[in-house]
PDB file of N, CA and C in Angstrom:
ATOM      1  N   UNK A   1       0.852  -1.166   0.000  1.00  0.00           N
ATOM      2  CA  UNK A   1       0.000   0.000   0.000  1.00  0.00           C
ATOM      3  C   UNK A   1       0.900   1.232   0.000  1.00  0.00           C
ATOM      4  N   UNK A   2       0.534   2.206  -0.816  1.00  0.00           N
ATOM      5  CA  UNK A   2       1.293   3.447  -0.940  1.00  0.00           C
ATOM      6  C   UNK A   2       0.465   4.601  -0.367  1.00  0.00           C
ATOM      7  N   UNK A   3       0.967   5.259   0.670  1.00  0.00           N
ATOM      8  CA  UNK A   3       0.280   6.425   1.233  1.00  0.00           C
ATOM      9  C   UNK A   3       0.611   7.622   0.351  1.00  0.00           C
ATOM     10  N   UNK A   4      -0.432   8.263  -0.205  1.00  0.00           N
ATOM     11  CA  UNK A   4      -0.223   9.392  -1.115  1.00  0.00           C
ATOM     12  C   UNK A   4      -0.506  10.728  -0.449  1.00  0.00           C
ATOM     13  N   UNK A   5      -1.223  10.711   0.667  1.00  0.00           N
ATOM     14  CA  UNK A   5      -1.468  11.944   1.420  1.00  0.00           C
ATOM     15  C   UNK A   5      -1.807  11.577   2.854  1.00  0.00           C
ATOM     16  N   UNK A   6      -1.278  12.342   3.792  1.00  0.00           N
ATOM     17  CA  UNK A   6      -1.612  12.133   5.203  1.00  0.00           C
ATOM     18  C   UNK A   6      -1.545  13.463   5.924  1.00  0.00           C
ATOM     19  N   UNK A   7      -2.442  13.649   6.865  1.00  0.00           N
ATOM     20  CA  UNK A   7      -2.402  14.828   7.720  1.00  0.00           C
ATOM     21  C   UNK A   7      -2.583  14.372   9.162  1.00  0.00           C
ATOM     22  N   UNK A   8      -1.809  14.981  10.039  1.00  0.00           N
ATOM     23  CA  UNK A   8      -1.844  14.611  11.448  1.00  0.00           C
ATOM     24  C   UNK A   8      -2.295  15.780  12.315  1.00  0.00           C
ATOM     25  N   UNK A   9      -2.867  16.812  11.693  1.00  0.00           N
ATOM     26  CA  UNK A   9      -3.317  17.990  12.435  1.00  0.00           C
ATOM     27  C   UNK A   9      -4.408  17.584  13.418  1.00  0.00           C
ATOM     28  N   UNK A  10      -4.262  18.015  14.650  1.00  0.00           N
ATOM     29  CA  UNK A  10      -5.249  17.678  15.679  1.00  0.00           C
ATOM     30  C   UNK A  10      -5.690  18.986  16.330  1.00  0.00           C
ATOM     31  N   UNK A  11      -6.359  19.807  15.561  1.00  0.00           N
ATOM     32  CA  UNK A  11      -6.909  21.068  16.049  1.00  0.00           C
ATOM     33  C   UNK A  11      -8.419  21.004  15.914  1.00  0.00           C
ATOM     34  N   UNK A  12      -9.104  21.894  16.609  1.00  0.00           N
ATOM     35  CA  UNK A  12     -10.556  21.960  16.465  1.00  0.00           C
ATOM     36  C   UNK A  12     -10.872  22.288  15.008  1.00  0.00           C
ATOM     37  N   UNK A  13     -11.710  21.490  14.402  1.00  0.00           N
ATOM     38  CA  UNK A  13     -12.086  21.683  13.006  1.00  0.00           C
ATOM     39  C   UNK A  13     -11.226  20.916  12.018  1.00  0.00           C
ATOM     40  N   UNK A  14     -10.185  20.241  12.490  1.00  0.00           N
ATOM     41  CA  UNK A  14      -9.318  19.460  11.612  1.00  0.00           C
ATOM     42  C   UNK A  14      -9.312  18.006  12.064  1.00  0.00           C
ATOM     43  N   UNK A  15      -9.468  17.095  11.141  1.00  0.00           N
ATOM     44  CA  UNK A  15      -9.524  15.669  11.455  1.00  0.00           C
ATOM     45  C   UNK A  15      -8.362  14.952  10.773  1.00  0.00           C
ATOM     46  N   UNK A  16      -7.533  14.233  11.530  1.00  0.00           N
ATOM     47  CA  UNK A  16      -6.431  13.493  10.920  1.00  0.00           C
ATOM     48  C   UNK A  16      -6.949  12.379   9.998  1.00  0.00           C
ATOM     49  N   UNK A  17      -6.319  12.237   8.826  1.00  0.00           N
ATOM     50  CA  UNK A  17      -6.728  11.190   7.888  1.00  0.00           C
ATOM     51  C   UNK A  17      -5.580  10.890   6.937  1.00  0.00           C
ATOM     52  N   UNK A  18      -5.718   9.800   6.191  1.00  0.00           N
ATOM     53  CA  UNK A  18      -4.764   9.536   5.122  1.00  0.00           C
ATOM     54  C   UNK A  18      -5.479   8.936   3.918  1.00  0.00           C
ATOM     55  N   UNK A  19      -4.833   9.076   2.772  1.00  0.00           N
ATOM     56  CA  UNK A  19      -5.311   8.488   1.521  1.00  0.00           C
ATOM     57  C   UNK A  19      -4.185   7.596   1.006  1.00  0.00           C
ATOM     58  N   UNK A  20      -4.534   6.366   0.660  1.00  0.00           N
ATOM     59  CA  UNK A  20      -3.530   5.418   0.180  1.00  0.00           C
ATOM     60  C   UNK A  20      -4.035   4.710  -1.072  1.00  0.00           C
ATOM     61  N   UNK A  21      -3.092   4.168  -1.826  1.00  0.00           N
ATOM     62  CA  UNK A  21      -3.411   3.379  -3.010  1.00  0.00           C
ATOM     63  C   UNK A  21      -2.988   1.942  -2.755  1.00  0.00           C
ATOM     64  N   UNK A  22      -3.918   1.022  -2.932  1.00  0.00           N
ATOM     65  CA  UNK A  22      -3.607  -0.405  -2.852  1.00  0.00           C
ATOM     66  C   UNK A  22      -3.499  -0.885  -4.292  1.00  0.00           C
ATOM     67  N   UNK A  23      -2.276  -0.933  -4.794  1.00  0.00           N
ATOM     68  CA  UNK A  23      -2.055  -1.270  -6.204  1.00  0.00           C
ATOM     69  C   UNK A  23      -2.476  -2.703  -6.517  1.00  0.00           C
ATOM     70  N   UNK A  24      -2.272  -3.602  -5.571  1.00  0.00           N
ATOM     71  CA  UNK A  24      -2.622  -5.009  -5.794  1.00  0.00           C
ATOM     72  C   UNK A  24      -4.126  -5.181  -6.010  1.00  0.00           C
ATOM     73  N   UNK A  25      -4.926  -4.468  -5.207  1.00  0.00           N
ATOM     74  CA  UNK A  25      -6.387  -4.580  -5.314  1.00  0.00           C
ATOM     75  C   UNK A  25      -6.998  -3.489  -6.184  1.00  0.00           C
ATOM     76  N   UNK A  26      -6.141  -2.589  -6.702  1.00  0.00           N
ATOM     77  CA  UNK A  26      -6.596  -1.462  -7.528  1.00  0.00           C
ATOM     78  C   UNK A  26      -7.691  -0.682  -6.797  1.00  0.00           C
ATOM     79  N   UNK A  27      -7.355  -0.281  -5.565  1.00  0.00           N
ATOM     80  CA  UNK A  27      -8.324   0.361  -4.684  1.00  0.00           C
ATOM     81  C   UNK A  27      -7.719   1.611  -4.057  1.00  0.00           C
ATOM     82  N   UNK A  28      -8.564   2.619  -3.853  1.00  0.00           N
ATOM     83  CA  UNK A  28      -8.180   3.807  -3.089  1.00  0.00           C
ATOM     84  C   UNK A  28      -8.707   3.625  -1.675  1.00  0.00           C
ATOM     85  N   UNK A  29      -7.847   3.858  -0.691  1.00  0.00           N
ATOM     86  CA  UNK A  29      -8.224   3.707   0.712  1.00  0.00           C
ATOM     87  C   UNK A  29      -8.203   5.080   1.367  1.00  0.00           C
ATOM     88  N   UNK A  30      -9.317   5.453   2.001  1.00  0.00           N
ATOM     89  CA  UNK A  30      -9.392   6.698   2.768  1.00  0.00           C
ATOM     90  C   UNK A  30      -9.682   6.309   4.205  1.00  0.00           C
ATOM     91  N   UNK A  31      -8.797   6.705   5.110  1.00  0.00           N
ATOM     92  CA  UNK A  31      -8.953   6.359   6.518  1.00  0.00           C
ATOM     93  C   UNK A  31      -9.005   7.633   7.352  1.00  0.00           C
ATOM     94  N   UNK A  32     -10.058   7.758   8.159  1.00  0.00           N
ATOM     95  CA  UNK A  32     -10.258   8.936   9.003  1.00  0.00           C
ATOM     96  C   UNK A  32     -10.207   8.490  10.455  1.00  0.00           C
ATOM     97  N   UNK A  33      -9.323   9.129  11.233  1.00  0.00           N
ATOM     98  CA  UNK A  33      -9.208   8.756  12.633  1.00  0.00           C
ATOM     99  C   UNK A  33     -10.466   9.162  13.385  1.00  0.00           C
ATOM    100  N   UNK A  34     -10.870   8.354  14.318  1.00  0.00           N
ATOM    101  CA  UNK A  34     -12.070   8.628  15.102  1.00  0.00           C
ATOM    102  C   UNK A  34     -11.811   9.605  16.238  1.00  0.00           C
ATOM    103  N   UNK A  35     -12.833   9.815  17.047  1.00  0.00           N
ATOM    104  CA  UNK A  35     -12.768  10.733  18.178  1.00  0.00           C
ATOM    105  C   UNK A  35     -11.816  10.191  19.235  1.00  0.00           C
ATOM    106  N   UNK A  36     -10.850  11.030  19.647  1.00  0.00           N
ATOM    107  CA  UNK A  36      -9.840  10.598  20.598  1.00  0.00           C
ATOM    108  C   UNK A  36      -9.689  11.563  21.769  1.00  0.00           C
ATOM    109  N   UNK A  37     -10.058  12.830  21.570  1.00  0.00           N
ATOM    110  CA  UNK A  37      -9.822  13.841  22.600  1.00  0.00           C
ATOM    111  C   UNK A  37     -11.025  14.776  22.716  1.00  0.00           C
ATOM    112  N   UNK A  38     -10.971  15.664  23.692  1.00  0.00           N
ATOM    113  CA  UNK A  38     -12.030  16.660  23.858  1.00  0.00           C
ATOM    114  C   UNK A  38     -12.090  17.584  22.642  1.00  0.00           C
ATOM    115  N   UNK A  39     -10.934  17.920  22.065  1.00  0.00           N
ATOM    116  CA  UNK A  39     -10.922  18.737  20.845  1.00  0.00           C
ATOM    117  C   UNK A  39     -11.669  18.024  19.721  1.00  0.00           C
ATOM    118  N   UNK A  40     -11.496  16.716  19.626  1.00  0.00           N
ATOM    119  CA  UNK A  40     -12.209  15.938  18.607  1.00  0.00           C
ATOM    120  C   UNK A  40     -13.717  15.978  18.833  1.00  0.00           C
ATOM    121  N   UNK A  41     -14.148  15.955  20.088  1.00  0.00           N
ATOM    122  CA  UNK A  41     -15.583  16.026  20.400  1.00  0.00           C
ATOM    123  C   UNK A  41     -16.149  17.342  19.891  1.00  0.00           C
ATOM    124  N   UNK A  42     -15.424  18.445  20.113  1.00  0.00           N
ATOM    125  CA  UNK A  42     -15.884  19.757  19.632  1.00  0.00           C
ATOM    126  C   UNK A  42     -15.973  19.750  18.109  1.00  0.00           C
ATOM    127  N   UNK A  43     -14.978  19.179  17.448  1.00  0.00           N
ATOM    128  CA  UNK A  43     -15.012  19.069  15.984  1.00  0.00           C
ATOM    129  C   UNK A  43     -16.215  18.252  15.535  1.00  0.00           C
ATOM    130  N   UNK A  44     -16.460  17.120  16.205  1.00  0.00           N
ATOM    131  CA  UNK A  44     -17.604  16.266  15.859  1.00  0.00           C
ATOM    132  C   UNK A  44     -18.921  17.024  16.000  1.00  0.00           C
ATOM    133  N   UNK A  45     -19.059  17.792  17.067  1.00  0.00           N
ATOM    134  CA  UNK A  45     -20.306  18.520  17.311  1.00  0.00           C
ATOM    135  C   UNK A  45     -20.536  19.628  16.296  1.00  0.00           C
ATOM    136  N   UNK A  46     -19.465  20.136  15.694  1.00  0.00           N
ATOM    137  CA  UNK A  46     -19.578  21.209  14.703  1.00  0.00           C
ATOM    138  C   UNK A  46     -19.631  20.690  13.267  1.00  0.00           C
ATOM    139  N   UNK A  47     -19.607  19.380  13.097  1.00  0.00           N
ATOM    140  CA  UNK A  47     -19.574  18.793  11.753  1.00  0.00           C
ATOM    141  C   UNK A  47     -20.879  19.039  11.005  1.00  0.00           C
ATOM    142  N   UNK A  48     -20.746  19.222   9.698  1.00  0.00           N
ATOM    143  CA  UNK A  48     -21.901  19.378   8.816  1.00  0.00           C
ATOM    144  C   UNK A  48     -21.733  18.428   7.633  1.00  0.00           C
ATOM    145  N   UNK A  49     -22.820  17.890   7.164  1.00  0.00           N
ATOM    146  CA  UNK A  49     -22.781  16.989   6.006  1.00  0.00           C
ATOM    147  C   UNK A  49     -22.492  17.785   4.740  1.00  0.00           C
ATOM    148  N   UNK A  50     -21.848  17.143   3.787  1.00  0.00           N
ATOM    149  CA  UNK A  50     -21.557  17.767   2.505  1.00  0.00           C
ATOM    150  C   UNK A  50     -21.702  16.709   1.417  1.00  0.00           C
ATOM    151  N   UNK A  51     -22.208  17.105   0.279  1.00  0.00           N
ATOM    152  CA  UNK A  51     -22.396  16.195  -0.846  1.00  0.00           C
ATOM    153  C   UNK A  51     -21.071  16.003  -1.575  1.00  0.00           C
ATOM    154  N   UNK A  52     -20.696  14.764  -1.826  1.00  0.00           N
ATOM    155  CA  UNK A  52     -19.497  14.476  -2.610  1.00  0.00           C
ATOM    156  C   UNK A  52     -19.896  14.233  -4.057  1.00  0.00           C
ATOM    157  N   UNK A  53     -19.089  14.726  -5.001  1.00  0.00           N
ATOM    158  CA  UNK A  53     -19.415  14.484  -6.410  1.00  0.00           C
ATOM    159  C   UNK A  53     -19.262  13.004  -6.738  1.00  0.00           C
ATOM    160  N   UNK A  54     -20.196  12.474  -7.512  1.00  0.00           N
ATOM    161  CA  UNK A  54     -20.143  11.063  -7.887  1.00  0.00           C
ATOM    162  C   UNK A  54     -19.900  10.872  -9.381  1.00  0.00           C
ATOM    163  N   UNK A  55     -19.967  11.937 -10.124  1.00  0.00           N
ATOM    164  CA  UNK A  55     -19.749  11.868 -11.570  1.00  0.00           C
ATOM    165  C   UNK A  55     -18.282  12.166 -11.881  1.00  0.00           C
ATOM    166  N   UNK A  56     -17.678  11.415 -12.801  1.00  0.00           N
ATOM    167  CA  UNK A  56     -16.301  11.725 -13.210  1.00  0.00           C
ATOM    168  C   UNK A  56     -16.243  13.081 -13.888  1.00  0.00           C
ATOM    169  N   UNK A  57     -15.118  13.726 -13.768  1.00  0.00           N
ATOM    170  CA  UNK A  57     -14.962  15.051 -14.395  1.00  0.00           C
ATOM    171  C   UNK A  57     -14.412  14.931 -15.776  1.00  0.00           C
TER     172      UNK A  57
END
């Protein structure tokens, strides 16, 4: 697996995550860390849903 992007910011409003490529399975992996601290709880409470594009550009 090849990690192509990762962020470790742990501030209110920022969520640590990474994006990886699994070349063997031809898959993109997106992993988002869950709630771990009080700052994360504040971020969770302020979260809003957003529509992701599903059509290729």
